[in-house]
Amino acid sequence: MRSRFAPSPTGRLHVGNAYSALLCAHWAANNGADLLLRIEDIDHSRCRPQFIEGIFEDLQWLGLSWAEPVRLQSSHLEDYRTAIARLRELDLIYPCFCTRRTILQEMEKMAIAPHAEDAAGIYPGICRNLCSDEQERRMQSTPFAWRLNVKKAMGLIDTPLCWHDEQGLEYSAEIDHDVVIGRKDISFSYHLSVVVDDGIQGISHVIRGKDLEASTAIHRLLQQLLGLPAPTYIHHPLIHTSTGERLAKRNGATTLASLREIGVDAQKLSAYLLNLPGLIWPFEQQNNSTCNSEILRLLGKR
């Protein structure tokens, strides 16, 4: 058995990342499985090389280890190009020239979604039926993304699309719109790259946060289309702030580097996170002396 922890180097790891990494490591230890580390760094617009070293430092500080070599997505772009080419051969993807504004305007005309925030997860099929000549003409001068024709792809699947958890429970996998699998700026989406990586690395169990559970249907469909095995999926709950906000880099979640700097003991932090009441990180996100004193009272070195 084999699992992986797969962070993106868009900032320093925070306590929510640490919780996920610790769950992966404990699952691997309890099941005699290999734990792999993968660096998901293909988004060059957000990923930074210095944060890769930071990931290694933070995980080693926590006492975690992993099987070598570490897979850096940016070193394996040809694998993703091959997958895109296979989907093109099957005529299951099409170039989409829409901007977010274009999609929103079309949805408003169709009375589908009046608010901009709804446009992120719904696509009304604007470019789906463009003729090949029109596609080729526009591809020469207009930025585009690759979208998967979900209805057509589902027509090639001869068994119900589903996924299983560690208890063997079966969940129906449903997709309601044509998803992007190749972006304008980086060519490959998270959905495509993670499926290809899991297949190549022989991942038997995917352990990740419940925020990614909605993506599992897309991943299962791509696995079937590309002839890749289906892992078992374990979606763990997420750590939140005392105000109910999910810990994330964008909202200044407490980083492991900052905890290490003030003198937190890594073993105490690990035990604390794995037994965190209500999965609530109770400390203020902005460091101050009062907050640091409380953290050190609970998690500092003796």
Protein backbone atom coordinates (compact mmCIF):
# COMPACT_ATOMS: atom_id res chain seq x y z
CA MET A 1 0.00 0.00 0.00
CA ARG A 2 1.16 3.50 -0.73
CA SER A 3 -0.07 7.03 -0.04
CA ARG A 4 1.28 10.54 -0.51
CA PHE A 5 1.37 14.00 0.98
CA ALA A 6 1.27 16.51 -1.88
CA PRO A 7 1.64 20.18 -0.89
CA SER A 8 1.99 23.11 -3.27
CA PRO A 9 4.91 25.51 -2.67
CA THR A 10 2.82 28.67 -2.63
CA GLY A 11 3.86 29.61 0.91
CA ARG A 12 5.12 28.09 4.15
CA LEU A 13 3.21 25.12 5.56
CA HIS A 14 0.67 26.00 8.24
CA VAL A 15 -0.87 23.94 11.03
CA GLY A 16 -3.68 22.73 8.75
CA ASN A 17 -1.09 21.34 6.33
CA ALA A 18 0.73 19.75 9.27
CA TYR A 19 -2.47 18.02 10.39
CA SER A 20 -2.96 16.51 6.93
CA ALA A 21 0.69 15.41 6.71
CA LEU A 22 0.51 13.82 10.16
CA LEU A 23 -2.65 11.90 9.24
CA CYS A 24 -0.93 10.59 6.11
CA ALA A 25 2.13 9.56 8.09
CA HIS A 26 0.10 7.84 10.83
CA TRP A 27 -1.99 5.96 8.29
CA ALA A 28 1.17 4.76 6.53
CA ALA A 29 2.78 3.68 9.81
CA ASN A 30 -0.34 1.85 10.99
CA ASN A 31 -0.73 0.00 7.70
CA GLY A 32 2.89 -0.78 6.91
CA ALA A 33 2.56 1.40 3.82
CA ASP A 34 4.95 3.67 1.94
CA LEU A 35 4.50 7.40 2.37
CA LEU A 36 5.58 9.51 -0.60
CA LEU A 37 6.12 13.24 -0.79
CA ARG A 38 5.05 15.01 -3.97
CA ILE A 39 5.58 18.71 -4.70
CA GLU A 40 2.71 20.03 -6.82
CA ASP A 41 4.52 22.97 -8.39
CA ILE A 42 3.24 23.27 -11.95
CA ASP A 43 1.39 26.53 -11.25
CA HIS A 44 4.33 28.82 -11.99
CA SER A 45 2.17 31.88 -11.34
CA ARG A 46 1.88 31.01 -7.64
CA CYS A 47 4.60 28.47 -6.75
CA ARG A 48 8.04 29.61 -5.60
CA PRO A 49 11.25 27.49 -5.42
CA GLN A 50 12.17 28.81 -1.96
CA PHE A 51 8.99 27.35 -0.52
CA ILE A 52 10.01 23.86 -1.66
CA GLU A 53 12.96 23.93 0.72
CA GLY A 54 10.61 25.29 3.35
CA ILE A 55 8.36 22.25 2.94
CA PHE A 56 11.29 19.91 3.49
CA GLU A 57 12.39 21.87 6.58
CA ASP A 58 8.91 21.94 8.11
CA LEU A 59 8.18 18.24 7.57
CA GLN A 60 11.59 17.17 8.87
CA TRP A 61 11.03 19.36 11.93
CA LEU A 62 7.78 17.46 12.55
CA GLY A 63 9.80 14.25 12.43
CA LEU A 64 8.26 12.94 9.20
CA SER A 65 10.11 10.95 6.58
CA TRP A 66 9.18 9.68 3.15
CA ALA A 67 10.30 7.34 0.41
CA GLU A 68 12.64 8.84 -2.17
CA PRO A 69 12.69 10.27 -4.75
CA VAL A 70 10.41 13.24 -4.22
CA ARG A 71 8.32 13.87 -7.35
CA LEU A 72 8.29 17.47 -8.53
CA GLN A 73 5.48 17.99 -11.00
CA SER A 74 7.47 20.62 -12.89
CA SER A 75 10.00 17.92 -13.81
CA HIS A 76 7.38 15.68 -15.41
CA LEU A 77 5.42 17.94 -17.76
CA GLU A 78 5.72 15.42 -20.59
CA ASP A 79 3.57 12.97 -18.61
CA TYR A 80 0.74 15.51 -18.54
CA ARG A 81 1.18 16.38 -22.22
CA THR A 82 0.80 12.68 -23.04
CA ALA A 83 -2.45 12.54 -21.08
CA ILE A 84 -3.82 15.63 -22.84
CA ALA A 85 -2.85 14.12 -26.20
CA ARG A 86 -4.69 10.90 -25.32
CA LEU A 87 -7.87 12.79 -24.46
CA ARG A 88 -7.58 14.74 -27.72
CA GLU A 89 -7.24 11.47 -29.64
CA LEU A 90 -10.48 10.32 -28.02
CA ASP A 91 -12.07 13.65 -29.03
CA LEU A 92 -13.12 14.24 -25.43
CA ILE A 93 -11.67 17.71 -24.88
CA TYR A 94 -12.23 20.98 -26.66
CA PRO A 95 -10.62 24.42 -26.53
CA CYS A 96 -12.58 26.95 -24.48
CA PHE A 97 -11.94 30.62 -25.22
CA CYS A 98 -14.24 32.00 -22.54
CA THR A 99 -13.21 34.40 -19.83
CA ARG A 100 -14.92 34.41 -16.45
CA ARG A 101 -16.87 37.49 -17.58
CA THR A 102 -18.03 35.73 -20.76
CA ILE A 103 -19.28 32.77 -18.76
CA LEU A 104 -21.09 34.97 -16.28
CA GLN A 105 -22.78 36.99 -19.02
CA GLU A 106 -23.99 33.82 -20.74
CA MET A 107 -25.29 32.40 -17.48
CA GLU A 108 -27.15 35.61 -16.76
CA LYS A 109 -28.80 35.45 -20.22
CA MET A 110 -29.84 31.86 -19.47
CA ALA A 111 -31.03 32.86 -15.97
CA ILE A 112 -28.73 30.22 -14.48
CA ALA A 113 -26.68 32.16 -11.97
CA PRO A 114 -27.04 35.85 -11.12
CA HIS A 115 -23.92 36.08 -8.97
CA ALA A 116 -20.30 36.10 -10.07
CA GLU A 117 -19.20 33.67 -7.38
CA ASP A 118 -21.42 30.97 -8.91
CA ALA A 119 -19.54 31.11 -12.21
CA ALA A 120 -16.46 29.31 -10.89
CA GLY A 121 -18.08 25.87 -10.81
CA ILE A 122 -20.59 26.01 -13.66
CA TYR A 123 -20.00 26.17 -17.39
CA PRO A 124 -22.91 26.59 -19.84
CA GLY A 125 -21.15 24.97 -22.82
CA ILE A 126 -20.42 28.10 -24.86
CA CYS A 127 -17.50 26.61 -26.82
CA ARG A 128 -18.54 22.97 -26.75
CA ASN A 129 -19.98 22.82 -30.25
CA LEU A 130 -17.63 25.06 -32.20
CA CYS A 131 -16.67 23.45 -35.50
CA SER A 132 -13.07 22.27 -35.90
CA ASP A 133 -12.23 25.04 -38.38
CA GLU A 134 -13.43 27.69 -35.95
CA GLN A 135 -11.48 26.04 -33.13
CA GLU A 136 -8.25 25.98 -35.12
CA ARG A 137 -8.66 29.56 -36.29
CA ARG A 138 -9.23 30.92 -32.82
CA MET A 139 -6.49 28.78 -31.25
CA GLN A 140 -3.96 30.62 -33.38
CA SER A 141 -4.62 33.98 -31.74
CA THR A 142 -6.77 33.58 -28.62
CA PRO A 143 -5.75 32.11 -25.25
CA PHE A 144 -7.74 28.99 -24.44
CA ALA A 145 -8.22 26.26 -21.86
CA TRP A 146 -8.95 22.59 -22.49
CA ARG A 147 -12.34 21.47 -21.21
CA LEU A 148 -13.48 17.89 -20.83
CA ASN A 149 -16.75 17.10 -22.63
CA VAL A 150 -18.24 15.32 -19.63
CA LYS A 151 -21.41 14.04 -21.32
CA LYS A 152 -19.42 12.54 -24.18
CA ALA A 153 -16.84 11.11 -21.79
CA MET A 154 -19.52 9.52 -19.61
CA GLY A 155 -20.87 7.84 -22.74
CA LEU A 156 -17.62 5.86 -22.98
CA ILE A 157 -17.88 4.54 -19.43
CA ASP A 158 -19.57 1.15 -19.32
CA THR A 159 -19.86 0.96 -15.51
CA PRO A 160 -21.35 3.40 -12.99
CA LEU A 161 -18.88 6.08 -11.98
CA CYS A 162 -18.15 5.76 -8.26
CA TRP A 163 -15.39 5.79 -5.64
CA HIS A 164 -14.77 3.87 -2.42
CA ASP A 165 -13.54 4.86 1.01
CA GLU A 166 -11.38 2.83 3.38
CA GLN A 167 -14.41 0.99 4.78
CA GLY A 168 -15.35 -0.10 1.27
CA LEU A 169 -18.40 2.15 1.16
CA GLU A 170 -19.34 3.17 -2.37
CA TYR A 171 -20.13 6.75 -3.32
CA SER A 172 -21.74 7.87 -6.55
CA ALA A 173 -19.52 10.20 -8.56
CA GLU A 174 -21.46 12.89 -10.39
CA ILE A 175 -20.18 15.77 -12.53
CA ASP A 176 -22.56 18.48 -13.68
CA HIS A 177 -20.41 20.59 -16.03
CA ASP A 178 -17.47 20.45 -18.45
CA VAL A 179 -14.43 20.86 -16.21
CA VAL A 180 -11.15 22.56 -17.15
CA ILE A 181 -8.27 20.10 -17.34
CA GLY A 182 -5.76 22.36 -19.08
CA ARG A 183 -5.49 26.00 -18.09
CA LYS A 184 -4.59 28.94 -20.30
CA ASP A 185 -1.56 29.89 -18.23
CA ILE A 186 -0.07 26.57 -17.09
CA SER A 187 -1.49 24.07 -19.63
CA PHE A 188 -2.42 21.43 -17.03
CA SER A 189 -5.01 21.60 -14.28
CA TYR A 190 -4.75 20.13 -10.80
CA HIS A 191 -7.31 17.50 -11.81
CA LEU A 192 -5.24 16.12 -14.68
CA SER A 193 -1.83 16.28 -13.01
CA VAL A 194 -2.90 14.65 -9.75
CA VAL A 195 -4.58 11.75 -11.57
CA VAL A 196 -1.53 11.13 -13.75
CA ASP A 197 0.81 11.37 -10.74
CA ASP A 198 -1.23 8.97 -8.62
CA GLY A 199 -1.25 6.45 -11.46
CA ILE A 200 2.47 6.69 -12.17
CA GLN A 201 3.40 6.52 -8.49
CA GLY A 202 1.11 3.57 -7.77
CA ILE A 203 -0.84 5.37 -5.05
CA SER A 204 -3.28 2.94 -3.45
CA HIS A 205 -4.80 5.33 -0.88
CA VAL A 206 -5.41 9.04 -1.36
CA ILE A 207 -5.62 10.82 2.01
CA ARG A 208 -6.64 14.45 1.70
CA GLY A 209 -8.98 17.09 3.10
CA LYS A 210 -12.73 17.12 2.67
CA ASP A 211 -12.38 20.32 0.66
CA LEU A 212 -11.15 18.11 -2.20
CA GLU A 213 -13.91 15.52 -1.91
CA ALA A 214 -15.94 17.27 -4.63
CA SER A 215 -13.03 16.72 -7.04
CA THR A 216 -13.08 12.95 -6.62
CA ALA A 217 -15.73 12.42 -9.28
CA ILE A 218 -13.61 14.28 -11.84
CA HIS A 219 -10.57 12.24 -10.89
CA ARG A 220 -12.43 8.95 -11.16
CA LEU A 221 -13.66 9.86 -14.63
CA LEU A 222 -10.17 10.80 -15.80
CA GLN A 223 -8.79 7.57 -14.35
CA GLN A 224 -11.27 5.54 -16.35
CA LEU A 225 -10.61 7.47 -19.55
CA LEU A 226 -6.82 7.17 -19.19
CA GLY A 227 -6.86 3.53 -18.10
CA LEU A 228 -5.50 4.27 -14.61
CA PRO A 229 -6.30 2.35 -11.42
CA ALA A 230 -8.72 3.76 -8.85
CA PRO A 231 -7.25 4.42 -5.40
CA THR A 232 -9.18 4.22 -2.16
CA TYR A 233 -10.12 7.72 -0.97
CA ILE A 234 -9.98 8.99 2.61
CA HIS A 235 -11.21 12.58 3.03
CA HIS A 236 -10.38 13.94 6.46
CA PRO A 237 -12.07 16.90 8.17
CA LEU A 238 -10.32 20.27 8.19
CA ILE A 239 -9.02 22.45 11.00
CA HIS A 240 -10.83 25.79 11.42
CA THR A 241 -10.31 28.98 13.38
CA SER A 242 -12.44 29.85 16.39
CA THR A 243 -14.59 31.95 14.04
CA GLY A 244 -15.23 29.00 11.72
CA GLU A 245 -12.86 29.97 8.93
CA ARG A 246 -10.85 27.17 7.31
CA LEU A 247 -7.12 27.48 7.90
CA ALA A 248 -5.43 28.54 4.67
CA LYS A 249 -2.33 30.36 3.47
CA ARG A 250 -4.43 33.16 2.01
CA ASN A 251 -5.91 34.08 5.40
CA GLY A 252 -2.65 34.03 7.32
CA ALA A 253 -2.92 30.65 9.05
CA THR A 254 -0.23 30.02 11.68
CA THR A 255 2.85 28.65 9.95
CA LEU A 256 5.11 25.90 11.24
CA ALA A 257 8.10 28.17 10.69
CA SER A 258 6.67 30.79 13.05
CA LEU A 259 5.94 28.16 15.70
CA ARG A 260 9.44 26.74 15.40
CA GLU A 261 10.89 30.25 15.69
CA ILE A 262 9.20 30.98 19.04
CA GLY A 263 10.29 27.64 20.52
CA VAL A 264 7.38 25.23 20.04
CA ASP A 265 8.23 21.57 20.55
CA ALA A 266 7.46 19.58 17.39
CA GLN A 267 6.38 16.42 19.22
CA LYS A 268 3.99 18.35 21.45
CA LEU A 269 2.55 20.15 18.43
CA SER A 270 2.01 16.85 16.59
CA ALA A 271 0.23 15.28 19.55
CA TYR A 272 -1.85 18.43 20.04
CA LEU A 273 -2.98 18.58 16.40
CA LEU A 274 -3.91 14.90 16.28
CA ASN A 275 -6.12 15.35 19.36
CA LEU A 276 -7.36 18.88 18.68
CA PRO A 277 -10.78 19.41 20.33
CA GLY A 278 -13.39 20.17 17.71
CA LEU A 279 -10.60 20.62 15.16
CA ILE A 280 -10.43 24.28 16.18
CA TRP A 281 -7.04 26.05 16.21
CA PRO A 282 -7.73 28.42 19.09
CA PHE A 283 -4.82 30.82 18.72
CA GLU A 284 -4.93 34.18 17.00
CA GLN A 285 -3.60 34.10 13.46
CA GLN A 286 -1.51 37.24 13.86
CA ASN A 287 1.44 36.65 16.17
CA ASN A 288 1.55 38.75 19.34
CA SER A 289 3.16 38.30 22.73
CA THR A 290 -0.03 37.17 24.47
CA CYS A 291 -0.78 34.59 21.79
CA ASN A 292 2.81 33.35 21.74
CA SER A 293 2.85 32.99 25.52
CA GLU A 294 -0.29 30.86 25.44
CA ILE A 295 1.12 28.69 22.64
CA LEU A 296 4.36 28.17 24.55
CA ARG A 297 2.49 27.35 27.74
CA LEU A 298 0.86 24.42 25.96
CA LEU A 299 3.42 23.47 23.33
CA GLY A 300 6.76 24.93 24.40
CA LYS A 301 9.86 22.93 25.25
CA ARG A 302 10.35 22.06 28.93
